[in-house]
Amino acid sequence: MIWQSNINVNHCWIDYNILIAKIHILLKTPTQTTTMKHRPLELLIPVKDFSCLEAAKNYADAIYYGTKDLTMRARRGFRLCDIKKVAKQAHANNQKAYLTVNTVIYETDLKKMQKTITAAQDAEIDAVILWDPSAIEYAKSIKMPFHISTQANISNSMTAQFYKKQGARRLILSRELPLKEIRSIKRKVNIELETFIHGAMCVSISGQCYLSSYLYGASANCGKCLQPCRKTWTLTDEENNKLICEGKYLMSPKDLCMIEHIPDLIKSKIDSFKIEGRLRPPLYVETVARCYRRAIDAYQNNEYTQDLAQNLKKELAKVYNRGFSTGFYYKSPDATSFSYNTANSQATFTRTQIGIVTNYYPIVMVAAVRLTGGSLKTGDEITIEGHTTYLHQEIGSMEAGSKQLKTAPNNTIVGIKVNKKVRKNDMLYRITPK
């Protein structure tokens, strides 16, 4: 194989397209000074692990994350000892970092809550997201900046003013607010406002649901929701007559998607656009962050069009979604806001694991990959993912030994030219249309 022998210049992995692209970037640099100036607007992206942090690197203004305790996504989270590393990496990426401590705090949770918020302060995290009065009081006592979680269900200007007086730096508004009421709150209360603009919706009010706790003993308000709303239901009367509902998912809302309405959101002077998805894989994080970054930048540079929005919506449809709606922004949800026929993803593309990285050669930027789940060909769209790795690209060239390949069969080891560092034991995924 070429990385094990003396490198012949005729066989070097030189990508002249990358070289030309860099020259074009340098040539375009002077025109960047003409970019319009706008008020600060934050794109806030969820991360569940270090690979998602890498996926958000080029698009997010800020990231939010949680530990495995006292967070509304308790199934996935960082160890408390890792939160400083996450914040440090985010800051190196010129991003702010926010930590969620947004569950109900019971008496037995008080010491854990105090330890977590103190650790967030020690980690130089920019703010904690919380709502329980005990957490508010403790954050104030140690002078830790805090944002009020959507779990507080802030729905009017008087409530907003109340939390401002408590010392909150930002309010994450209820998801059930129409845009006109968000504008009214913004006019009346001088404080940063954050709203969700994309991701899963809850059938209950701002996530305050007791159905999972009632049926399974797993409290949604402690971050352990098992999503009974995503199941099919049978209606039964007192005489045991049953209505099967034709297998419909009666309580499964479509996902929120506001990519076509970015101008309205920006004009409403919302300070932070939040993406839901702390359980989602890095491909989802990267795709959603990239699309909304493109839409926001396009609007601020007078380049936003509905054609662009439609194309970005098609990109968003490639990754996990249950269909799209505009939530409560323009009207109360109706029958068209629910995904009755399926509670599973309606993504138009699928991600399939087909191999594992066995070695990486940094000088030539080549990954040796063992194919275990299918063949691979040039032009294929792939991701390589690991504990701290995320790479998304098309296959430009492959080799086995010193032989260039167009197709590599299953159960072989092949060299792939990659755009950045990967690591041994990272997983290779192929992205294909369904």
Protein backbone atom coordinates (compact mmCIF):
# COMPACT_ATOMS: atom_id res chain seq x y z
CA MET A 1 0.00 0.00 0.00
CA ILE A 2 1.23 3.47 -0.84
CA TRP A 3 1.43 4.73 2.77
CA GLN A 4 3.76 1.87 3.65
CA SER A 5 6.28 2.52 0.90
CA ASN A 6 8.30 5.40 -0.51
CA ILE A 7 5.80 7.85 -1.98
CA ASN A 8 6.12 8.30 -5.71
CA VAL A 9 5.06 11.77 -6.82
CA ASN A 10 2.93 10.19 -9.55
CA HIS A 11 0.91 8.39 -6.89
CA CYS A 12 0.71 11.10 -4.22
CA TRP A 13 -2.71 11.96 -2.81
CA ILE A 14 -2.63 15.56 -4.07
CA ASP A 15 -6.09 17.08 -4.38
CA TYR A 16 -5.72 19.97 -6.80
CA ASN A 17 -9.41 20.82 -6.39
CA ILE A 18 -8.77 21.68 -2.74
CA LEU A 19 -5.78 23.80 -3.75
CA ILE A 20 -7.85 25.69 -6.34
CA ALA A 21 -10.69 26.16 -3.84
CA LYS A 22 -8.28 27.71 -1.34
CA ILE A 23 -7.01 30.11 -4.01
CA HIS A 24 -10.61 31.13 -4.78
CA ILE A 25 -11.24 31.74 -1.09
CA LEU A 26 -8.18 33.99 -0.89
CA LEU A 27 -9.31 35.89 -3.96
CA LYS A 28 -12.76 36.42 -2.47
CA THR A 29 -11.53 37.57 0.93
CA PRO A 30 -11.47 41.33 0.16
CA THR A 31 -15.19 41.29 -0.79
CA GLN A 32 -16.12 40.06 2.69
CA THR A 33 -15.74 43.58 4.03
CA THR A 34 -18.96 44.51 2.19
CA THR A 35 -21.07 42.12 4.33
CA MET A 36 -23.95 43.99 5.99
CA LYS A 37 -23.82 44.61 9.73
CA HIS A 38 -26.72 43.29 11.79
CA ARG A 39 -27.57 42.98 15.46
CA PRO A 40 -26.14 39.89 17.16
CA LEU A 41 -28.20 36.77 16.48
CA GLU A 42 -27.30 33.42 17.97
CA LEU A 43 -27.76 30.00 16.37
CA LEU A 44 -27.87 27.55 19.29
CA ILE A 45 -27.15 23.88 18.54
CA PRO A 46 -27.58 20.76 20.73
CA VAL A 47 -24.69 18.37 21.35
CA LYS A 48 -24.89 15.01 23.08
CA ASP A 49 -21.23 13.99 22.69
CA PHE A 50 -17.88 15.14 21.33
CA SER A 51 -18.63 13.99 17.77
CA CYS A 52 -21.72 16.24 17.75
CA LEU A 53 -19.58 19.08 19.06
CA GLU A 54 -17.28 18.55 16.09
CA ALA A 55 -20.29 18.43 13.74
CA ALA A 56 -21.50 21.83 14.98
CA LYS A 57 -18.05 23.40 14.83
CA ASN A 58 -18.42 25.43 11.63
CA TYR A 59 -22.02 26.55 12.03
CA ALA A 60 -23.08 27.19 15.64
CA ASP A 61 -22.72 30.44 17.56
CA ALA A 62 -23.39 28.52 20.77
CA ILE A 63 -23.95 24.95 21.93
CA TYR A 64 -25.98 23.51 24.78
CA TYR A 65 -25.47 20.21 26.53
CA GLY A 66 -26.18 18.33 29.73
CA THR A 67 -24.75 15.78 32.10
CA LYS A 68 -26.38 12.43 32.82
CA ASP A 69 -28.34 13.94 35.74
CA LEU A 70 -30.79 16.82 36.24
CA THR A 71 -31.28 17.30 32.50
CA MET A 72 -34.30 16.82 30.26
CA ARG A 73 -32.35 14.39 28.07
CA ALA A 74 -31.01 12.09 30.78
CA ARG A 75 -30.56 9.17 28.39
CA ARG A 76 -27.57 10.88 26.82
CA GLY A 77 -25.17 13.32 28.38
CA PHE A 78 -21.60 14.07 29.34
CA ARG A 79 -19.89 13.03 32.53
CA LEU A 80 -19.60 15.88 34.98
CA CYS A 81 -15.82 15.65 34.71
CA ASP A 82 -16.06 16.33 30.95
CA ILE A 83 -18.11 19.53 30.97
CA LYS A 84 -15.01 21.71 31.25
CA LYS A 85 -13.45 20.02 28.23
CA VAL A 86 -16.64 20.64 26.22
CA ALA A 87 -16.72 24.31 27.20
CA LYS A 88 -13.04 24.75 26.42
CA GLN A 89 -13.46 23.22 22.96
CA ALA A 90 -16.56 25.32 22.26
CA HIS A 91 -14.73 28.49 23.28
CA ALA A 92 -11.81 27.50 21.03
CA ASN A 93 -14.40 27.31 18.22
CA ASN A 94 -15.56 30.84 19.14
CA GLN A 95 -18.83 29.44 20.50
CA LYS A 96 -20.61 29.99 23.80
CA ALA A 97 -21.44 26.97 25.96
CA TYR A 98 -24.58 26.50 28.04
CA LEU A 99 -25.26 23.64 30.47
CA THR A 100 -28.76 22.32 31.14
CA VAL A 101 -29.86 21.78 34.76
CA ASN A 102 -33.52 21.93 33.84
CA THR A 103 -35.41 19.09 35.54
CA VAL A 104 -37.59 19.22 38.63
CA ILE A 105 -35.27 19.41 41.65
CA TYR A 106 -36.39 17.16 44.49
CA GLU A 107 -35.06 17.28 48.06
CA THR A 108 -32.67 14.42 47.28
CA ASP A 109 -31.36 16.36 44.26
CA LEU A 110 -30.27 19.53 46.06
CA LYS A 111 -26.65 18.58 46.68
CA LYS A 112 -26.29 17.22 43.16
CA MET A 113 -27.78 20.44 41.74
CA GLN A 114 -25.36 22.58 43.73
CA LYS A 115 -22.41 20.42 42.69
CA THR A 116 -23.39 20.61 39.01
CA ILE A 117 -23.85 24.40 38.94
CA THR A 118 -20.60 24.91 40.87
CA ALA A 119 -18.83 22.66 38.36
CA ALA A 120 -20.33 24.73 35.52
CA GLN A 121 -18.90 27.88 37.07
CA ASP A 122 -15.49 26.25 37.53
CA ALA A 123 -15.61 25.14 33.89
CA GLU A 124 -16.21 28.75 32.78
CA ILE A 125 -19.47 27.77 31.12
CA ASP A 126 -21.27 30.88 29.87
CA ALA A 127 -24.63 30.16 31.52
CA VAL A 128 -26.72 27.36 32.99
CA ILE A 129 -30.24 26.63 31.75
CA LEU A 130 -32.61 26.07 34.67
CA TRP A 131 -36.05 26.94 36.06
CA ASP A 132 -36.50 25.36 39.47
CA PRO A 133 -36.45 28.13 42.14
CA SER A 134 -33.85 26.23 44.16
CA ALA A 135 -31.50 26.20 41.18
CA ILE A 136 -32.20 29.89 40.53
CA GLU A 137 -31.38 30.79 44.13
CA TYR A 138 -28.19 28.77 44.16
CA ALA A 139 -26.97 30.15 40.81
CA LYS A 140 -27.59 33.68 42.13
CA SER A 141 -25.73 32.93 45.35
CA ILE A 142 -22.53 32.02 43.48
CA LYS A 143 -23.07 34.63 40.75
CA MET A 144 -23.45 32.05 37.98
CA PRO A 145 -25.26 33.46 34.91
CA PHE A 146 -28.47 31.60 34.14
CA HIS A 147 -31.17 31.29 31.49
CA ILE A 148 -34.75 30.29 32.35
CA SER A 149 -35.71 27.00 30.66
CA THR A 150 -38.79 26.52 28.49
CA GLN A 151 -39.94 24.21 31.30
CA ALA A 152 -41.00 27.38 33.16
CA ASN A 153 -43.63 27.89 30.43
CA ILE A 154 -43.06 31.63 30.13
CA SER A 155 -46.07 32.84 28.13
CA ASN A 156 -46.53 36.55 28.91
CA SER A 157 -44.64 39.75 29.64
CA MET A 158 -45.45 39.83 33.38
CA THR A 159 -43.90 36.40 33.87
CA ALA A 160 -40.96 37.49 31.75
CA GLN A 161 -40.53 40.58 33.93
CA PHE A 162 -40.68 38.40 37.06
CA TYR A 163 -37.78 36.23 35.91
CA LYS A 164 -35.83 39.28 34.80
CA LYS A 165 -36.12 40.63 38.36
CA GLN A 166 -34.80 37.30 39.61
CA GLY A 167 -31.59 37.99 37.68
CA ALA A 168 -32.08 35.86 34.58
CA ARG A 169 -29.89 36.80 31.64
CA ARG A 170 -32.17 35.15 29.07
CA LEU A 171 -35.66 33.61 28.85
CA ILE A 172 -36.44 30.53 26.77
CA LEU A 173 -40.08 31.09 25.91
CA SER A 174 -42.88 28.54 25.92
CA ARG A 175 -43.18 26.65 22.63
CA GLU A 176 -46.93 27.35 22.66
CA LEU A 177 -46.56 31.07 21.91
CA PRO A 178 -47.61 32.57 18.57
CA LEU A 179 -45.12 34.91 16.94
CA LYS A 180 -47.24 38.01 17.56
CA GLU A 181 -47.13 37.37 21.32
CA ILE A 182 -43.37 36.81 21.22
CA ARG A 183 -43.04 40.21 19.57
CA SER A 184 -45.20 41.77 22.28
CA ILE A 185 -43.05 40.29 25.07
CA LYS A 186 -39.91 41.52 23.34
CA ARG A 187 -41.30 45.07 23.11
CA LYS A 188 -42.32 45.15 26.77
CA VAL A 189 -39.39 43.43 28.49
CA ASN A 190 -35.76 44.33 27.84
CA ILE A 191 -34.17 40.90 28.09
CA GLU A 192 -32.74 38.31 25.73
CA LEU A 193 -35.32 35.90 24.31
CA GLU A 194 -34.67 32.42 22.96
CA THR A 195 -37.13 30.26 21.02
CA PHE A 196 -37.07 26.82 19.44
CA ILE A 197 -37.13 26.94 15.65
CA HIS A 198 -36.55 23.30 14.67
CA GLY A 199 -36.97 19.81 16.09
CA ALA A 200 -39.36 17.52 17.92
CA MET A 201 -42.55 18.88 19.45
CA CYS A 202 -44.24 17.57 22.59
CA VAL A 203 -47.98 16.85 22.63
CA SER A 204 -48.08 18.36 26.12
CA ILE A 205 -47.38 21.94 27.26
CA SER A 206 -43.67 22.74 26.96
CA GLY A 207 -42.74 19.19 27.85
CA GLN A 208 -44.72 19.09 31.11
CA CYS A 209 -46.23 15.66 30.53
CA TYR A 210 -47.10 13.01 33.12
CA LEU A 211 -48.14 10.21 30.73
CA SER A 212 -44.74 8.50 30.67
CA SER A 213 -44.56 8.62 34.46
CA TYR A 214 -48.11 7.27 34.82
CA LEU A 215 -47.64 4.38 32.36
CA TYR A 216 -43.99 3.44 32.86
CA GLY A 217 -42.78 5.11 36.04
CA ALA A 218 -40.32 7.13 33.93
CA SER A 219 -40.82 10.85 34.49
CA ALA A 220 -40.60 13.19 31.51
CA ASN A 221 -39.99 16.03 33.96
CA CYS A 222 -36.83 14.27 35.11
CA GLY A 223 -35.60 13.74 31.56
CA LYS A 224 -36.67 10.09 31.25
CA CYS A 225 -39.67 10.29 28.89
CA LEU A 226 -40.36 7.00 27.06
CA GLN A 227 -42.64 8.79 24.58
CA PRO A 228 -45.96 6.94 24.86
CA CYS A 229 -47.34 9.68 22.58
CA ARG A 230 -45.40 8.06 19.72
CA LYS A 231 -47.36 4.79 19.96
CA THR A 232 -50.60 3.65 18.35
CA TRP A 233 -53.63 3.83 20.64
CA THR A 234 -56.91 1.97 20.99
CA LEU A 235 -60.03 3.70 22.35
CA THR A 236 -62.19 1.55 24.66
CA ASP A 237 -65.54 2.44 26.26
CA GLU A 238 -67.13 1.12 29.49
CA GLU A 239 -68.64 -1.83 27.59
CA ASN A 240 -65.19 -2.76 26.27
CA ASN A 241 -66.01 -1.71 22.74
CA LYS A 242 -62.77 -0.90 20.98
CA LEU A 243 -61.90 1.58 18.30
CA ILE A 244 -58.55 0.68 16.78
CA CYS A 245 -58.24 4.06 15.00
CA GLU A 246 -56.89 2.26 11.94
CA GLY A 247 -53.44 2.07 13.46
CA LYS A 248 -53.07 5.84 13.55
CA TYR A 249 -50.64 7.68 15.81
CA LEU A 250 -53.13 10.05 17.41
CA MET A 251 -50.70 11.93 19.66
CA SER A 252 -47.55 12.19 17.55
CA PRO A 253 -46.88 15.80 16.47
CA LYS A 254 -44.83 16.65 13.43
CA ASP A 255 -41.47 18.32 13.98
CA LEU A 256 -41.11 22.07 14.09
CA CYS A 257 -39.41 23.56 11.01
CA MET A 258 -39.08 27.31 10.50
CA ILE A 259 -36.54 27.37 7.67
CA GLU A 260 -39.10 29.04 5.36
CA HIS A 261 -39.83 31.78 7.90
CA ILE A 262 -36.38 33.02 8.92
CA PRO A 263 -37.20 36.62 7.88
CA ASP A 264 -40.22 36.72 10.23
CA LEU A 265 -38.16 35.34 13.11
CA ILE A 266 -35.32 37.81 12.62
CA LYS A 267 -37.71 40.76 12.29
CA SER A 268 -39.28 39.71 15.61
CA LYS A 269 -35.91 40.45 17.28
CA ILE A 270 -35.56 37.03 18.87
CA ASP A 271 -32.01 36.84 20.22
CA SER A 272 -31.32 33.11 19.98
CA PHE A 273 -32.63 30.52 17.53
CA LYS A 274 -32.59 27.13 19.22
CA ILE A 275 -32.48 23.70 17.60
CA GLU A 276 -33.94 20.72 19.50
CA GLY A 277 -32.11 17.39 19.24
CA ARG A 278 -29.79 16.35 22.07
CA LEU A 279 -30.56 12.70 21.27
CA ARG A 280 -29.72 13.01 17.59
CA PRO A 281 -26.55 11.76 15.82
CA PRO A 282 -23.86 14.11 14.47
CA LEU A 283 -25.13 13.94 10.87
CA TYR A 284 -28.42 15.43 12.07
CA VAL A 285 -26.60 18.10 14.07
CA GLU A 286 -24.37 19.06 11.15
CA THR A 287 -27.19 19.09 8.57
CA VAL A 288 -29.62 21.17 10.62
CA ALA A 289 -26.91 23.58 11.81
CA ARG A 290 -25.58 24.03 8.27
CA CYS A 291 -29.03 24.70 6.79
CA TYR A 292 -30.06 27.27 9.37
CA ARG A 293 -26.63 28.92 9.26
CA ARG A 294 -27.04 29.27 5.51
CA ALA A 295 -30.56 30.70 5.83
CA ILE A 296 -29.62 33.23 8.52
CA ASP A 297 -26.51 34.39 6.68
CA ALA A 298 -28.44 34.62 3.40
CA TYR A 299 -31.07 36.87 4.95
CA GLN A 300 -28.48 39.12 6.55
CA ASN A 301 -26.70 39.43 3.20
CA ASN A 302 -29.92 40.10 1.23
CA GLU A 303 -29.64 36.71 -0.48
CA TYR A 304 -32.56 34.88 1.17
CA THR A 305 -35.21 33.63 -1.27
CA GLN A 306 -38.05 31.13 -1.06
CA ASP A 307 -36.23 28.97 -3.61
CA LEU A 308 -33.27 28.82 -1.23
CA ALA A 309 -35.60 28.03 1.68
CA GLN A 310 -37.23 25.20 -0.26
CA ASN A 311 -33.86 23.71 -1.15
CA LEU A 312 -32.75 23.90 2.47
CA LYS A 313 -35.99 22.26 3.58
CA LYS A 314 -35.23 19.36 1.23
CA GLU A 315 -31.81 19.07 2.88
CA LEU A 316 -33.44 19.03 6.32
CA ALA A 317 -35.79 16.28 5.17
CA LYS A 318 -32.80 14.03 4.50
CA VAL A 319 -32.17 13.55 8.23
CA TYR A 320 -34.42 12.47 11.11
CA ASN A 321 -37.85 14.07 11.06
CA ARG A 322 -41.50 13.16 11.59
CA GLY A 323 -42.74 15.56 8.93
CA PHE A 324 -42.69 19.32 9.36
CA SER A 325 -45.02 22.01 10.72
CA THR A 326 -44.70 25.58 12.01
CA GLY A 327 -45.89 24.63 15.49
CA PHE A 328 -47.70 27.48 17.27
CA TYR A 329 -45.94 30.35 15.49
CA TYR A 330 -48.82 31.23 13.16
CA LYS A 331 -51.81 29.25 14.45
CA SER A 332 -52.75 26.59 16.98
CA PRO A 333 -51.86 23.11 15.71
CA ASP A 334 -54.65 21.27 13.91
CA ALA A 335 -55.06 17.89 12.21
CA THR A 336 -52.33 18.77 9.69
CA SER A 337 -49.82 19.21 12.53
CA PHE A 338 -49.79 15.53 13.49
CA SER A 339 -48.04 12.61 11.85
CA TYR A 340 -50.88 10.10 12.02
CA ASN A 341 -49.43 7.39 9.81
CA THR A 342 -46.05 6.92 11.45
CA ALA A 343 -44.19 7.99 14.56
CA ASN A 344 -40.85 7.01 13.07
CA SER A 345 -38.47 9.08 11.02
CA GLN A 346 -39.55 10.20 7.57
CA ALA A 347 -35.99 11.03 6.53
CA THR A 348 -35.45 10.73 2.79
CA PHE A 349 -31.90 9.42 3.24
CA THR A 350 -30.55 6.60 5.38
CA ARG A 351 -27.23 6.13 7.18
CA THR A 352 -25.74 2.61 7.14
CA GLN A 353 -22.60 1.42 8.89
CA ILE A 354 -20.37 -0.32 6.34
CA GLY A 355 -16.88 -0.30 7.81
CA ILE A 356 -14.35 0.59 10.47
CA VAL A 357 -11.13 2.62 10.34
CA THR A 358 -8.11 0.40 10.97
CA ASN A 359 -5.45 3.10 10.61
CA TYR A 360 -4.91 6.74 9.70
CA TYR A 361 -1.88 8.16 7.85
CA PRO A 362 -1.68 11.90 8.60
CA ILE A 363 1.06 12.86 6.11
CA VAL A 364 -1.04 11.76 3.12
CA MET A 365 -4.41 12.13 4.92
CA VAL A 366 -5.51 8.60 4.15
CA ALA A 367 -7.77 6.35 6.22
CA ALA A 368 -7.38 2.60 5.92
CA VAL A 369 -10.88 1.17 6.23
CA ARG A 370 -12.06 -2.42 6.58
CA LEU A 371 -15.37 -2.80 4.73
CA THR A 372 -17.72 -5.07 6.66
CA GLY A 373 -21.20 -4.03 5.55
CA GLY A 374 -21.05 -3.57 1.80
CA SER A 375 -19.03 -2.24 -1.10
CA LEU A 376 -17.90 1.35 -1.57
CA LYS A 377 -17.37 3.41 -4.72
CA THR A 378 -16.04 6.82 -5.64
CA GLY A 379 -18.72 9.47 -5.40
CA ASP A 380 -20.40 7.80 -2.42
CA GLU A 381 -21.47 10.15 0.39
CA ILE A 382 -20.02 9.02 3.72
CA THR A 383 -19.52 10.00 7.32
CA ILE A 384 -16.77 8.78 9.62
CA GLU A 385 -17.74 9.02 13.27
CA GLY A 386 -16.05 8.23 16.56
CA HIS A 387 -15.75 9.42 20.13
CA THR A 388 -14.32 12.78 19.02
CA THR A 389 -14.43 12.33 15.23
CA TYR A 390 -16.92 13.63 12.70
CA LEU A 391 -16.21 13.78 8.98
CA HIS A 392 -18.80 14.19 6.19
CA GLN A 393 -17.63 14.04 2.59
CA GLU A 394 -17.86 12.26 -0.75
CA ILE A 395 -15.36 9.58 -1.72
CA GLY A 396 -12.98 11.24 -4.12
CA SER A 397 -10.37 8.52 -4.54
CA MET A 398 -9.54 5.08 -3.17
CA GLU A 399 -6.56 2.74 -3.34
CA ALA A 400 -5.69 -0.83 -2.52
CA GLY A 401 -1.94 -1.27 -2.58
CA SER A 402 -0.83 1.15 -5.30
CA LYS A 403 -3.89 0.51 -7.48
CA GLN A 404 -6.54 3.18 -7.90
CA LEU A 405 -10.10 1.85 -7.42
CA LYS A 406 -13.50 2.95 -8.59
CA THR A 407 -15.25 0.32 -6.47
CA ALA A 408 -14.05 -1.51 -3.38
CA PRO A 409 -15.82 -4.80 -2.57
CA ASN A 410 -17.03 -5.88 0.86
CA ASN A 411 -14.60 -7.68 3.20
CA THR A 412 -11.56 -5.75 1.95
CA ILE A 413 -9.28 -3.07 3.34
CA VAL A 414 -9.12 0.06 1.22
CA GLY A 415 -7.39 3.42 1.52
CA ILE A 416 -9.66 6.46 1.36
CA LYS A 417 -8.47 10.04 0.92
CA VAL A 418 -10.09 12.04 3.73
CA ASN A 419 -10.47 15.77 4.29
CA LYS A 420 -9.40 15.80 7.92
CA LYS A 421 -8.10 13.63 10.74
CA VAL A 422 -9.89 10.41 11.64
CA ARG A 423 -8.94 7.79 14.21
CA LYS A 424 -8.51 4.05 14.53
CA ASN A 425 -11.82 2.30 15.34
CA ASP A 426 -13.94 5.17 14.01
CA MET A 427 -17.01 3.91 12.16
CA LEU A 428 -17.65 4.44 8.44
CA TYR A 429 -21.25 5.14 7.33
CA ARG A 430 -22.66 5.44 3.83
CA ILE A 431 -25.46 7.95 3.21
CA THR A 432 -27.95 6.87 0.53
CA PRO A 433 -31.46 7.83 -0.61
CA LYS A 434 -34.24 5.62 0.74
